[in-house]
Protein backbone atom coordinates (compact mmCIF):
# COMPACT_ATOMS: atom_id res chain seq x y z
CA MET A 1 -3.04 60.89 131.68
CA ILE A 2 -1.57 61.24 128.17
CA SER A 3 -0.11 57.73 128.31
CA ALA A 4 -3.39 56.16 129.44
CA SER A 5 -5.34 57.95 126.74
CA ARG A 6 -2.91 56.83 124.10
CA GLY A 7 -3.19 53.21 125.32
CA ARG A 8 -6.98 53.27 125.09
CA PHE A 9 -6.72 54.48 121.49
CA VAL A 10 -3.94 52.19 120.21
CA ALA A 11 -5.33 48.88 121.55
CA PRO A 12 -8.67 49.01 119.64
CA PHE A 13 -6.88 50.24 116.53
CA ALA A 14 -4.40 47.35 116.66
CA THR A 15 -7.30 44.90 116.87
CA VAL A 16 -8.87 46.41 113.75
CA ALA A 17 -5.53 46.22 111.94
CA VAL A 18 -5.20 42.51 112.70
CA LEU A 19 -8.71 41.81 111.42
CA LEU A 20 -8.03 43.74 108.21
CA ALA A 21 -4.79 41.85 107.65
CA ALA A 22 -6.58 38.52 108.12
CA CYS A 23 -9.04 39.51 105.41
CA GLY A 24 -6.25 40.30 102.95
CA GLY A 25 -6.33 44.09 103.33
CA ALA A 26 -3.61 46.50 104.46
CA ALA A 27 -3.75 48.25 107.80
CA ALA A 28 -3.75 52.07 107.83
CA PRO A 29 -0.90 53.96 109.58
CA ALA A 30 -1.38 54.31 113.33
CA SER A 31 -2.44 57.94 113.42
CA ALA A 32 -5.39 59.80 114.93
CA THR A 33 -6.13 61.39 111.57
CA THR A 34 -6.93 59.45 108.44
CA ALA A 35 -4.11 59.66 105.91
CA PRO A 36 -4.99 60.41 102.27
CA THR A 37 -5.49 57.26 100.26
CA THR A 38 -2.66 56.58 97.79
CA ALA A 39 -2.00 53.85 95.27
CA ALA A 40 0.88 52.57 97.38
CA ALA A 41 -1.31 52.35 100.46
CA THR A 42 -4.11 50.41 98.76
CA THR A 43 -1.96 47.98 96.73
CA SER A 44 -1.50 44.54 98.28
CA THR A 45 -0.05 41.23 97.09
CA PRO A 46 -2.86 38.74 96.36
CA ALA A 47 -2.74 35.46 98.24
CA PRO A 48 -2.14 32.29 96.18
CA SER A 49 -5.38 30.86 94.87
CA ALA A 50 -6.51 27.38 95.84
CA SER A 51 -6.17 26.22 92.23
CA THR A 52 -2.46 27.10 92.06
CA SER A 53 -1.47 25.89 95.52
CA ALA A 54 -3.44 22.64 95.72
CA THR A 55 -1.89 19.39 94.49
CA ALA A 56 -3.87 17.57 91.81
CA THR A 57 -5.09 14.13 92.81
CA THR A 58 -5.81 11.14 90.60
CA VAL A 59 -9.35 9.84 90.72
CA THR A 60 -9.82 6.12 90.15
CA THR A 61 -12.77 4.17 88.80
CA GLY A 62 -12.63 1.43 91.41
CA THR A 63 -10.99 -1.98 91.73
CA TRP A 64 -11.78 -4.45 88.95
CA THR A 65 -11.58 -8.16 89.78
CA VAL A 66 -10.78 -10.57 86.94
CA SER A 67 -13.22 -13.46 86.53
CA GLY A 68 -12.12 -17.07 86.19
CA THR A 69 -14.27 -17.25 83.06
CA SER A 70 -11.66 -15.19 81.22
CA LYS A 71 -9.70 -17.07 78.54
CA ALA A 72 -6.38 -16.64 76.73
CA THR A 73 -6.14 -18.19 73.26
CA VAL A 74 -2.84 -18.75 71.42
CA ARG A 75 -2.66 -19.49 67.70
CA VAL A 76 0.46 -20.72 65.89
CA ARG A 77 0.64 -21.71 62.23
CA GLU A 78 1.93 -25.25 61.72
CA GLN A 79 2.46 -27.79 58.96
CA LEU A 80 1.77 -31.35 60.08
CA VAL A 81 3.18 -34.51 58.57
CA GLY A 82 0.75 -36.12 56.11
CA VAL A 83 -1.38 -32.97 55.79
CA ASN A 84 -1.36 -31.05 52.50
CA LEU A 85 -2.01 -27.57 53.85
CA PRO A 86 -0.81 -25.69 56.94
CA SER A 87 -3.30 -25.00 59.75
CA ASP A 88 -3.49 -23.20 63.07
CA ALA A 89 -2.65 -24.92 66.30
CA VAL A 90 -5.08 -23.37 68.78
CA LEU A 91 -4.42 -23.64 72.51
CA ALA A 92 -6.49 -21.97 75.23
CA ALA A 93 -5.65 -21.27 78.88
CA THR A 94 -8.03 -20.56 81.74
CA GLY A 95 -7.60 -20.06 85.47
CA ALA A 96 -7.37 -16.27 85.30
CA THR A 97 -6.89 -14.26 88.49
CA GLY A 98 -6.00 -10.69 89.41
CA THR A 99 -7.22 -7.16 89.91
CA PHE A 100 -6.58 -3.78 88.32
CA VAL A 101 -7.36 -0.14 89.03
CA LEU A 102 -7.72 2.27 86.12
CA ASN A 103 -6.85 5.88 86.97
CA ASP A 104 -8.58 8.84 85.35
CA ASP A 105 -5.39 9.73 83.44
CA GLY A 106 -5.33 6.39 81.63
CA THR A 107 -2.66 4.77 83.81
CA PHE A 108 -3.04 1.84 86.20
CA SER A 109 -2.22 1.47 89.88
CA PRO A 110 1.19 -0.18 90.49
CA ASP A 111 -0.40 -3.30 92.01
CA SER A 112 -2.56 -4.05 88.95
CA LYS A 113 -1.87 -7.55 87.61
CA ILE A 114 -3.62 -10.29 85.61
CA SER A 115 -2.38 -13.90 85.58
CA PHE A 116 -3.25 -17.09 83.70
CA ASP A 117 -2.48 -20.67 84.65
CA VAL A 118 -0.59 -21.92 81.58
CA THR A 119 -0.71 -25.50 82.84
CA THR A 120 -4.36 -25.42 81.70
CA LEU A 121 -3.37 -24.93 78.05
CA ALA A 122 -5.29 -27.34 75.87
CA SER A 123 -5.95 -27.93 72.18
CA ASP A 124 -7.53 -30.70 70.14
CA GLN A 125 -4.42 -32.88 70.49
CA ARG A 126 -3.12 -34.08 73.85
CA ASP A 127 0.35 -34.92 72.52
CA ARG A 128 0.77 -31.36 71.26
CA ASP A 129 -0.40 -29.95 74.57
CA ASN A 130 2.04 -32.02 76.57
CA PHE A 131 4.96 -31.08 74.32
CA VAL A 132 4.19 -27.37 74.40
CA LYS A 133 3.74 -27.31 78.17
CA MET A 134 6.67 -29.55 79.11
CA ASP A 135 9.22 -28.54 76.44
CA THR A 136 8.36 -25.12 75.03
CA LEU A 137 6.81 -23.35 78.03
CA GLN A 138 8.47 -25.49 80.74
CA THR A 139 5.40 -25.10 82.92
CA ARG A 140 6.98 -27.00 85.81
CA LEU A 141 9.30 -24.01 86.24
CA PHE A 142 6.96 -21.29 84.95
CA PRO A 143 3.35 -22.32 85.65
CA THR A 144 1.83 -18.86 85.16
CA ALA A 145 1.87 -16.07 82.62
CA SER A 146 1.21 -12.59 83.98
CA PHE A 147 0.39 -9.18 82.57
CA VAL A 148 0.93 -5.87 84.37
CA PRO A 149 -1.02 -3.10 82.59
CA THR A 150 0.58 0.33 82.65
CA LYS A 151 -1.48 2.65 80.45
CA THR A 152 -4.26 3.04 77.90
CA SER A 153 -4.53 5.34 74.89
CA GLY A 154 -7.64 6.41 73.04
CA LEU A 155 -9.97 5.53 75.92
CA VAL A 156 -12.58 8.04 77.09
CA LEU A 157 -12.11 8.70 80.81
CA PRO A 158 -13.57 8.66 83.36
CA LEU A 159 -14.96 5.39 82.05
CA PRO A 160 -18.73 5.73 81.40
CA ALA A 161 -21.05 3.37 83.27
CA SER A 162 -22.10 1.70 80.02
CA GLY A 163 -21.12 1.55 76.37
CA ASP A 164 -18.63 0.15 73.86
CA PHE A 165 -14.99 1.23 73.72
CA THR A 166 -11.96 0.67 71.49
CA PHE A 167 -8.47 1.61 72.64
CA LYS A 168 -4.87 0.46 72.97
CA LEU A 169 -3.51 -1.15 76.11
CA THR A 170 0.19 -1.21 77.00
CA GLY A 171 1.91 -3.20 79.73
CA GLN A 172 4.53 -5.75 80.74
CA ILE A 173 3.86 -9.42 80.02
CA THR A 174 5.90 -12.26 81.54
CA ILE A 175 5.96 -15.68 79.86
CA HIS A 176 8.51 -18.45 80.43
CA GLY A 177 10.22 -16.21 82.97
CA LYS A 178 10.89 -13.46 80.40
CA THR A 179 9.27 -10.02 80.50
CA LYS A 180 8.44 -7.90 77.46
CA GLU A 181 6.53 -4.65 76.94
CA VAL A 182 3.57 -5.34 74.67
CA THR A 183 0.55 -3.56 73.22
CA PHE A 184 -2.98 -4.89 72.74
CA ASP A 185 -5.82 -3.66 70.55
CA VAL A 186 -8.89 -3.73 72.78
CA THR A 187 -12.60 -3.85 72.05
CA ALA A 188 -14.57 -3.62 75.29
CA HIS A 189 -18.11 -3.34 76.56
CA ARG A 190 -19.20 -2.11 79.99
CA SER A 191 -22.60 -2.69 81.50
CA GLY A 192 -22.72 -1.31 85.02
CA ASN A 193 -20.30 -3.23 87.21
CA GLU A 194 -19.29 -5.76 84.52
CA LEU A 195 -16.65 -5.33 81.83
CA THR A 196 -16.01 -7.70 78.92
CA ALA A 197 -13.11 -7.14 76.55
CA THR A 198 -11.37 -8.82 73.63
CA THR A 199 -7.68 -7.92 73.60
CA THR A 200 -5.46 -8.82 70.64
CA ALA A 201 -1.67 -8.62 70.82
CA SER A 202 -0.48 -6.12 68.21
CA PRO A 203 2.07 -6.65 66.86
CA THR A 204 2.40 -10.41 67.23
CA TRP A 205 5.34 -11.99 69.07
CA LYS A 206 8.28 -14.25 68.31
CA PHE A 207 9.16 -17.30 70.39
CA ALA A 208 12.59 -15.78 71.05
CA ASP A 209 10.91 -12.77 72.70
CA PHE A 210 10.37 -15.06 75.69
CA GLY A 211 13.48 -17.21 75.46
CA MET A 212 11.71 -20.06 73.65
CA THR A 213 12.19 -21.87 70.35
CA PRO A 214 9.36 -22.88 67.99
CA PRO A 215 8.07 -26.40 68.74
CA SER A 216 9.64 -29.14 66.67
CA VAL A 217 8.30 -32.70 66.85
CA PRO A 218 9.98 -35.24 64.53
CA PHE A 219 7.59 -37.29 62.37
CA ARG A 220 4.65 -35.19 63.58
CA VAL A 221 5.33 -31.53 62.73
CA VAL A 222 7.07 -30.46 59.52
CA SER A 223 7.37 -26.78 60.44
CA VAL A 224 6.01 -24.07 62.72
CA VAL A 225 5.78 -20.40 61.79
CA ASP A 226 7.69 -18.27 64.28
CA GLU A 227 4.72 -16.09 65.20
CA ILE A 228 2.61 -16.15 68.36
CA ARG A 229 -0.88 -14.66 68.05
CA LEU A 230 -2.59 -14.08 71.37
CA VAL A 231 -6.18 -13.07 72.05
CA VAL A 232 -7.47 -12.62 75.61
CA ASP A 233 -11.21 -12.62 76.32
CA LEU A 234 -11.38 -10.80 79.62
CA VAL A 235 -14.29 -10.61 82.04
CA ALA A 236 -14.06 -8.39 85.13
CA THR A 237 -16.34 -6.85 87.75
CA VAL A 238 -15.84 -3.68 89.75
CA LYS A 239 -16.45 -2.61 93.34
CA VAL A 240 -16.42 1.17 93.59
């Protein structure tokens, strides 16, 4: 009889103890009388909060697709034969492709990439274009120039749905088969799902940065300044 009575008492009490433990409390000693409450009996170790145990995730703003209307413009200072003053040789490339994803910490997804078809380079002189493409850029071997963005600085994020922005953009650019980390000064405007931006290489580049030598055309070009100035007018749309 004593054993049966004890079993009827302990089973319900054990159930209560389990419920208390699940709620973060401490079970009381298994006794028929209630023990005096002490500091040791009521103190329990708090469970880790969700904020300290959860892993932070990176929120993205969607995938931006580069429009073929984007344009890359290169300017190089040259002195032509028979011309008194130096002037800029201006060549522009089109045929842009690519996508990029901007994360809320200012970095880009690893698969972000923008490319231009450098065989489309054209200026106001066909002879110059052919020389630059065939000799300087060797477009038969390296028909594209690509840019892999890695991070921004000075940009308000998450990117607002509309407005004007100025910031710096850093990434890896590959021209003539050579890759170099570069920085652009960017002025951009967003209107809903469309982004337009003017990006200017800063600082400018040397031909040797990409394994090239400044163009030299006997009887046509006296000299060329060893400085490449690049401006990219980018147009992109986003699908969130």
